N, C-alpha and C. Protein backbone atom coordinates (compact mmCIF):
# COMPACT_ATOMS: atom_id res chain seq x y z
N MET A 1 20.12 -18.14 -14.68
CA MET A 1 20.48 -16.74 -14.77
C MET A 1 20.17 -16.26 -16.18
N GLU A 2 19.46 -15.15 -16.27
CA GLU A 2 19.09 -14.60 -17.56
C GLU A 2 20.23 -13.79 -18.15
N LYS A 3 20.29 -13.80 -19.46
CA LYS A 3 21.33 -13.00 -20.11
C LYS A 3 20.70 -11.76 -20.72
N GLU A 4 21.49 -10.71 -20.81
CA GLU A 4 21.05 -9.51 -21.46
C GLU A 4 21.41 -9.60 -22.93
N GLN A 5 20.76 -8.81 -23.74
CA GLN A 5 21.02 -8.82 -25.18
C GLN A 5 22.51 -8.67 -25.46
N GLY A 6 23.08 -9.61 -26.22
CA GLY A 6 24.49 -9.54 -26.60
C GLY A 6 25.44 -10.07 -25.55
N GLU A 7 24.93 -10.50 -24.40
CA GLU A 7 25.79 -11.01 -23.33
C GLU A 7 25.65 -12.52 -23.25
N GLY A 8 26.71 -13.17 -22.82
CA GLY A 8 26.65 -14.61 -22.64
C GLY A 8 26.24 -14.98 -21.22
N ILE A 9 25.77 -16.18 -21.05
CA ILE A 9 25.43 -16.70 -19.73
C ILE A 9 26.71 -17.21 -19.09
N PRO A 10 27.07 -16.72 -17.90
CA PRO A 10 28.30 -17.18 -17.24
C PRO A 10 28.21 -18.67 -16.87
N ILE A 11 29.33 -19.35 -16.96
CA ILE A 11 29.43 -20.75 -16.57
C ILE A 11 30.29 -20.82 -15.32
N GLU A 12 29.76 -21.44 -14.27
CA GLU A 12 30.50 -21.55 -13.02
C GLU A 12 31.66 -22.54 -13.18
N ILE A 13 32.84 -22.13 -12.72
CA ILE A 13 34.03 -22.97 -12.78
C ILE A 13 34.20 -23.69 -11.45
N LYS A 14 34.43 -25.01 -11.54
CA LYS A 14 34.63 -25.83 -10.35
C LYS A 14 36.01 -26.47 -10.42
N GLU A 15 36.56 -26.81 -9.27
CA GLU A 15 37.87 -27.45 -9.21
C GLU A 15 37.72 -28.96 -9.29
N ALA A 16 38.69 -29.58 -9.93
CA ALA A 16 38.75 -31.04 -10.01
C ALA A 16 40.22 -31.43 -9.99
N GLY A 17 40.56 -32.51 -9.33
CA GLY A 17 41.95 -32.96 -9.32
C GLY A 17 42.78 -32.29 -8.25
N SER A 18 44.06 -32.61 -8.26
CA SER A 18 44.97 -32.07 -7.25
C SER A 18 45.52 -30.72 -7.70
N PHE A 19 45.93 -29.91 -6.71
CA PHE A 19 46.41 -28.58 -7.03
C PHE A 19 47.80 -28.36 -6.46
N THR A 20 48.61 -27.65 -7.22
CA THR A 20 50.00 -27.41 -6.83
C THR A 20 50.18 -26.07 -6.14
N GLY A 21 49.13 -25.30 -6.06
CA GLY A 21 49.23 -23.97 -5.44
C GLY A 21 47.84 -23.41 -5.25
N PRO A 22 47.74 -22.09 -5.18
CA PRO A 22 46.42 -21.47 -5.00
C PRO A 22 45.51 -21.72 -6.20
N SER A 23 44.22 -21.72 -5.95
CA SER A 23 43.25 -21.94 -7.01
C SER A 23 43.35 -20.83 -8.06
N ARG A 24 43.28 -21.23 -9.32
CA ARG A 24 43.32 -20.27 -10.43
C ARG A 24 42.00 -20.24 -11.18
N GLY A 25 40.99 -20.94 -10.64
CA GLY A 25 39.69 -21.02 -11.30
C GLY A 25 39.04 -19.68 -11.54
N ASN A 26 39.29 -18.71 -10.66
CA ASN A 26 38.69 -17.38 -10.85
C ASN A 26 39.34 -16.61 -12.00
N SER A 27 40.38 -17.15 -12.60
CA SER A 27 41.04 -16.52 -13.75
C SER A 27 40.47 -17.01 -15.08
N ILE A 28 39.52 -17.96 -15.01
CA ILE A 28 38.91 -18.54 -16.21
C ILE A 28 37.45 -18.09 -16.24
N LYS A 29 37.07 -17.37 -17.29
CA LYS A 29 35.72 -16.82 -17.39
C LYS A 29 35.01 -17.30 -18.66
N PRO A 30 34.36 -18.48 -18.60
CA PRO A 30 33.60 -18.94 -19.76
C PRO A 30 32.17 -18.41 -19.74
N THR A 31 31.64 -18.12 -20.91
CA THR A 31 30.24 -17.72 -21.06
C THR A 31 29.67 -18.44 -22.28
N LEU A 32 28.36 -18.63 -22.26
CA LEU A 32 27.67 -19.28 -23.38
C LEU A 32 26.68 -18.28 -23.96
N ASN A 33 26.76 -18.08 -25.27
CA ASN A 33 25.83 -17.21 -25.98
C ASN A 33 25.28 -18.02 -27.14
N ASP A 34 24.06 -18.55 -26.94
CA ASP A 34 23.42 -19.47 -27.89
C ASP A 34 24.31 -20.71 -28.05
N ASN A 35 24.92 -20.90 -29.22
CA ASN A 35 25.75 -22.09 -29.47
C ASN A 35 27.24 -21.80 -29.40
N VAL A 36 27.62 -20.64 -28.91
CA VAL A 36 29.04 -20.27 -28.89
C VAL A 36 29.54 -20.18 -27.44
N LEU A 37 30.53 -21.00 -27.15
CA LEU A 37 31.22 -20.95 -25.86
C LEU A 37 32.42 -20.02 -26.02
N THR A 38 32.47 -18.96 -25.21
CA THR A 38 33.57 -18.01 -25.23
C THR A 38 34.30 -18.12 -23.91
N VAL A 39 35.62 -18.21 -23.97
CA VAL A 39 36.43 -18.30 -22.75
C VAL A 39 37.42 -17.15 -22.75
N VAL A 40 37.44 -16.41 -21.64
CA VAL A 40 38.39 -15.33 -21.43
C VAL A 40 39.26 -15.71 -20.24
N PHE A 41 40.56 -15.60 -20.41
CA PHE A 41 41.50 -15.83 -19.31
C PHE A 41 41.96 -14.45 -18.84
N ILE A 42 41.69 -14.12 -17.58
CA ILE A 42 42.00 -12.76 -17.13
C ILE A 42 43.42 -12.62 -16.61
N GLU A 43 44.19 -13.70 -16.62
CA GLU A 43 45.61 -13.62 -16.32
C GLU A 43 46.33 -14.72 -17.09
N ASN A 44 47.63 -14.60 -17.17
CA ASN A 44 48.44 -15.59 -17.89
C ASN A 44 48.54 -16.86 -17.05
N LEU A 45 47.97 -17.95 -17.56
CA LEU A 45 48.03 -19.25 -16.91
C LEU A 45 48.95 -20.20 -17.67
N GLY A 46 49.70 -19.68 -18.62
CA GLY A 46 50.55 -20.54 -19.45
C GLY A 46 49.70 -21.23 -20.50
N GLN A 47 50.10 -22.41 -20.91
CA GLN A 47 49.35 -23.17 -21.90
C GLN A 47 48.24 -23.95 -21.19
N VAL A 48 47.02 -23.84 -21.71
CA VAL A 48 45.86 -24.51 -21.12
C VAL A 48 45.21 -25.38 -22.19
N THR A 49 44.94 -26.63 -21.84
CA THR A 49 44.20 -27.52 -22.73
C THR A 49 42.72 -27.38 -22.40
N VAL A 50 41.91 -27.14 -23.42
CA VAL A 50 40.48 -26.96 -23.25
C VAL A 50 39.77 -28.08 -24.00
N GLU A 51 38.98 -28.84 -23.26
CA GLU A 51 38.23 -29.95 -23.86
C GLU A 51 36.74 -29.74 -23.61
N VAL A 52 35.96 -29.83 -24.69
CA VAL A 52 34.51 -29.76 -24.58
C VAL A 52 33.98 -31.15 -24.90
N SER A 53 33.16 -31.68 -24.01
CA SER A 53 32.57 -33.00 -24.23
C SER A 53 31.11 -32.99 -23.81
N THR A 54 30.36 -33.95 -24.32
CA THR A 54 28.97 -34.08 -23.91
C THR A 54 28.95 -34.56 -22.46
N ALA A 55 27.81 -34.44 -21.82
CA ALA A 55 27.68 -34.90 -20.43
C ALA A 55 27.93 -36.40 -20.33
N SER A 56 27.75 -37.13 -21.44
CA SER A 56 28.00 -38.58 -21.43
C SER A 56 29.45 -38.92 -21.75
N GLY A 57 30.29 -37.90 -21.96
CA GLY A 57 31.72 -38.13 -22.13
C GLY A 57 32.24 -38.17 -23.55
N ILE A 58 31.41 -37.90 -24.53
CA ILE A 58 31.86 -37.90 -25.93
C ILE A 58 32.53 -36.56 -26.24
N GLN A 59 33.80 -36.61 -26.67
CA GLN A 59 34.55 -35.39 -26.95
C GLN A 59 34.00 -34.68 -28.18
N VAL A 60 33.77 -33.37 -28.04
CA VAL A 60 33.27 -32.53 -29.12
C VAL A 60 34.41 -31.71 -29.72
N ASN A 61 35.29 -31.21 -28.85
CA ASN A 61 36.40 -30.37 -29.30
C ASN A 61 37.49 -30.40 -28.25
N CYS A 62 38.73 -30.36 -28.69
CA CYS A 62 39.86 -30.30 -27.77
C CYS A 62 40.94 -29.46 -28.43
N LEU A 63 41.43 -28.45 -27.70
CA LEU A 63 42.48 -27.61 -28.24
C LEU A 63 43.34 -27.08 -27.11
N SER A 64 44.46 -26.54 -27.50
CA SER A 64 45.39 -25.97 -26.53
C SER A 64 45.55 -24.49 -26.86
N VAL A 65 45.55 -23.66 -25.82
CA VAL A 65 45.64 -22.22 -26.03
C VAL A 65 46.68 -21.64 -25.09
N LEU A 66 47.44 -20.68 -25.60
CA LEU A 66 48.37 -19.94 -24.75
C LEU A 66 47.61 -18.76 -24.15
N THR A 67 47.57 -18.69 -22.85
CA THR A 67 46.86 -17.61 -22.19
C THR A 67 47.80 -16.41 -22.04
N PRO A 68 47.29 -15.22 -21.95
CA PRO A 68 45.91 -14.88 -21.67
C PRO A 68 45.02 -14.77 -22.90
N ASP A 69 45.42 -15.29 -24.07
CA ASP A 69 44.52 -15.30 -25.23
C ASP A 69 43.27 -16.08 -24.88
N GLY A 70 42.14 -15.66 -25.41
CA GLY A 70 40.88 -16.35 -25.19
C GLY A 70 40.55 -17.24 -26.38
N LEU A 71 39.35 -17.79 -26.36
CA LEU A 71 38.94 -18.65 -27.46
C LEU A 71 37.43 -18.69 -27.55
N GLN A 72 36.95 -19.12 -28.72
CA GLN A 72 35.54 -19.37 -28.94
C GLN A 72 35.39 -20.74 -29.57
N VAL A 73 34.37 -21.47 -29.12
CA VAL A 73 34.08 -22.80 -29.66
C VAL A 73 32.61 -22.85 -30.03
N TYR A 74 32.32 -23.25 -31.27
CA TYR A 74 30.93 -23.41 -31.71
C TYR A 74 30.45 -24.80 -31.33
N ILE A 75 29.31 -24.87 -30.65
CA ILE A 75 28.71 -26.15 -30.24
C ILE A 75 27.49 -26.35 -31.14
N PRO A 76 27.54 -27.29 -32.10
CA PRO A 76 26.49 -27.38 -33.10
C PRO A 76 25.16 -27.96 -32.62
N ASN A 77 25.17 -28.79 -31.59
CA ASN A 77 23.95 -29.50 -31.19
C ASN A 77 23.49 -29.12 -29.80
N ALA A 78 22.18 -29.12 -29.60
CA ALA A 78 21.61 -28.88 -28.28
C ALA A 78 21.98 -30.05 -27.37
N GLY A 79 22.13 -29.77 -26.08
CA GLY A 79 22.43 -30.83 -25.12
C GLY A 79 23.22 -30.31 -23.94
N ASN A 80 23.59 -31.23 -23.05
CA ASN A 80 24.37 -30.90 -21.86
C ASN A 80 25.85 -31.18 -22.13
N TYR A 81 26.70 -30.24 -21.71
CA TYR A 81 28.13 -30.32 -22.01
C TYR A 81 28.97 -30.01 -20.78
N ILE A 82 30.22 -30.43 -20.85
CA ILE A 82 31.22 -30.12 -19.83
C ILE A 82 32.44 -29.56 -20.54
N VAL A 83 32.95 -28.44 -20.04
CA VAL A 83 34.20 -27.88 -20.55
C VAL A 83 35.24 -28.08 -19.45
N THR A 84 36.38 -28.66 -19.83
CA THR A 84 37.45 -28.96 -18.87
C THR A 84 38.69 -28.18 -19.26
N PHE A 85 39.30 -27.55 -18.26
CA PHE A 85 40.52 -26.76 -18.45
C PHE A 85 41.64 -27.43 -17.68
N THR A 86 42.70 -27.84 -18.38
CA THR A 86 43.86 -28.46 -17.73
C THR A 86 45.06 -27.54 -17.90
N LEU A 87 45.56 -27.04 -16.78
CA LEU A 87 46.71 -26.14 -16.80
C LEU A 87 47.99 -26.95 -16.96
N SER A 88 49.06 -26.30 -17.39
CA SER A 88 50.33 -27.00 -17.65
C SER A 88 50.91 -27.63 -16.38
N ASN A 89 50.52 -27.15 -15.19
CA ASN A 89 51.02 -27.74 -13.95
C ASN A 89 50.16 -28.91 -13.48
N GLY A 90 49.13 -29.27 -14.25
CA GLY A 90 48.28 -30.41 -13.92
C GLY A 90 46.98 -30.05 -13.23
N ASP A 91 46.80 -28.80 -12.81
CA ASP A 91 45.55 -28.39 -12.19
C ASP A 91 44.41 -28.50 -13.20
N VAL A 92 43.25 -28.96 -12.72
CA VAL A 92 42.09 -29.17 -13.60
C VAL A 92 40.87 -28.43 -13.05
N TYR A 93 40.19 -27.73 -13.94
CA TYR A 93 38.96 -27.02 -13.61
C TYR A 93 37.91 -27.41 -14.65
N TYR A 94 36.63 -27.31 -14.28
CA TYR A 94 35.60 -27.64 -15.26
C TYR A 94 34.35 -26.81 -15.01
N GLY A 95 33.51 -26.76 -16.02
CA GLY A 95 32.21 -26.10 -15.92
C GLY A 95 31.21 -26.88 -16.72
N GLU A 96 29.96 -26.86 -16.29
CA GLU A 96 28.89 -27.57 -16.97
C GLU A 96 27.94 -26.54 -17.58
N PHE A 97 27.43 -26.84 -18.78
CA PHE A 97 26.50 -25.92 -19.43
C PHE A 97 25.57 -26.68 -20.36
N THR A 98 24.49 -26.01 -20.74
CA THR A 98 23.48 -26.60 -21.63
C THR A 98 23.25 -25.70 -22.83
N VAL A 99 23.32 -26.30 -24.01
CA VAL A 99 22.98 -25.60 -25.25
C VAL A 99 21.53 -25.96 -25.57
N THR A 100 20.69 -24.95 -25.74
CA THR A 100 19.26 -25.22 -25.92
C THR A 100 18.78 -25.03 -27.35
N GLU A 101 19.60 -24.45 -28.20
CA GLU A 101 19.16 -24.20 -29.59
C GLU A 101 19.89 -25.07 -30.56
């Protein structure tokens, strides 16, 4: 999917793990703009742990955020990555993306 000037490329969110209620994956909106991963939470999901790792499993960044606040993470190196979102109730969502620059 092509991005327009100043817009990030959307990252598809997938479900992983067990769920305690309805899916909340549509409330997580990550986009990639060059080397910057931006995440917007469109509703309050409580505290969410966000982990960015390489496709081979090496952790690049891990932080916890109170939603609906968003976050930005700078990814310094080109490569394939996975961003994982763990909600306080144990629900897990993830998205895969590639940094090319």
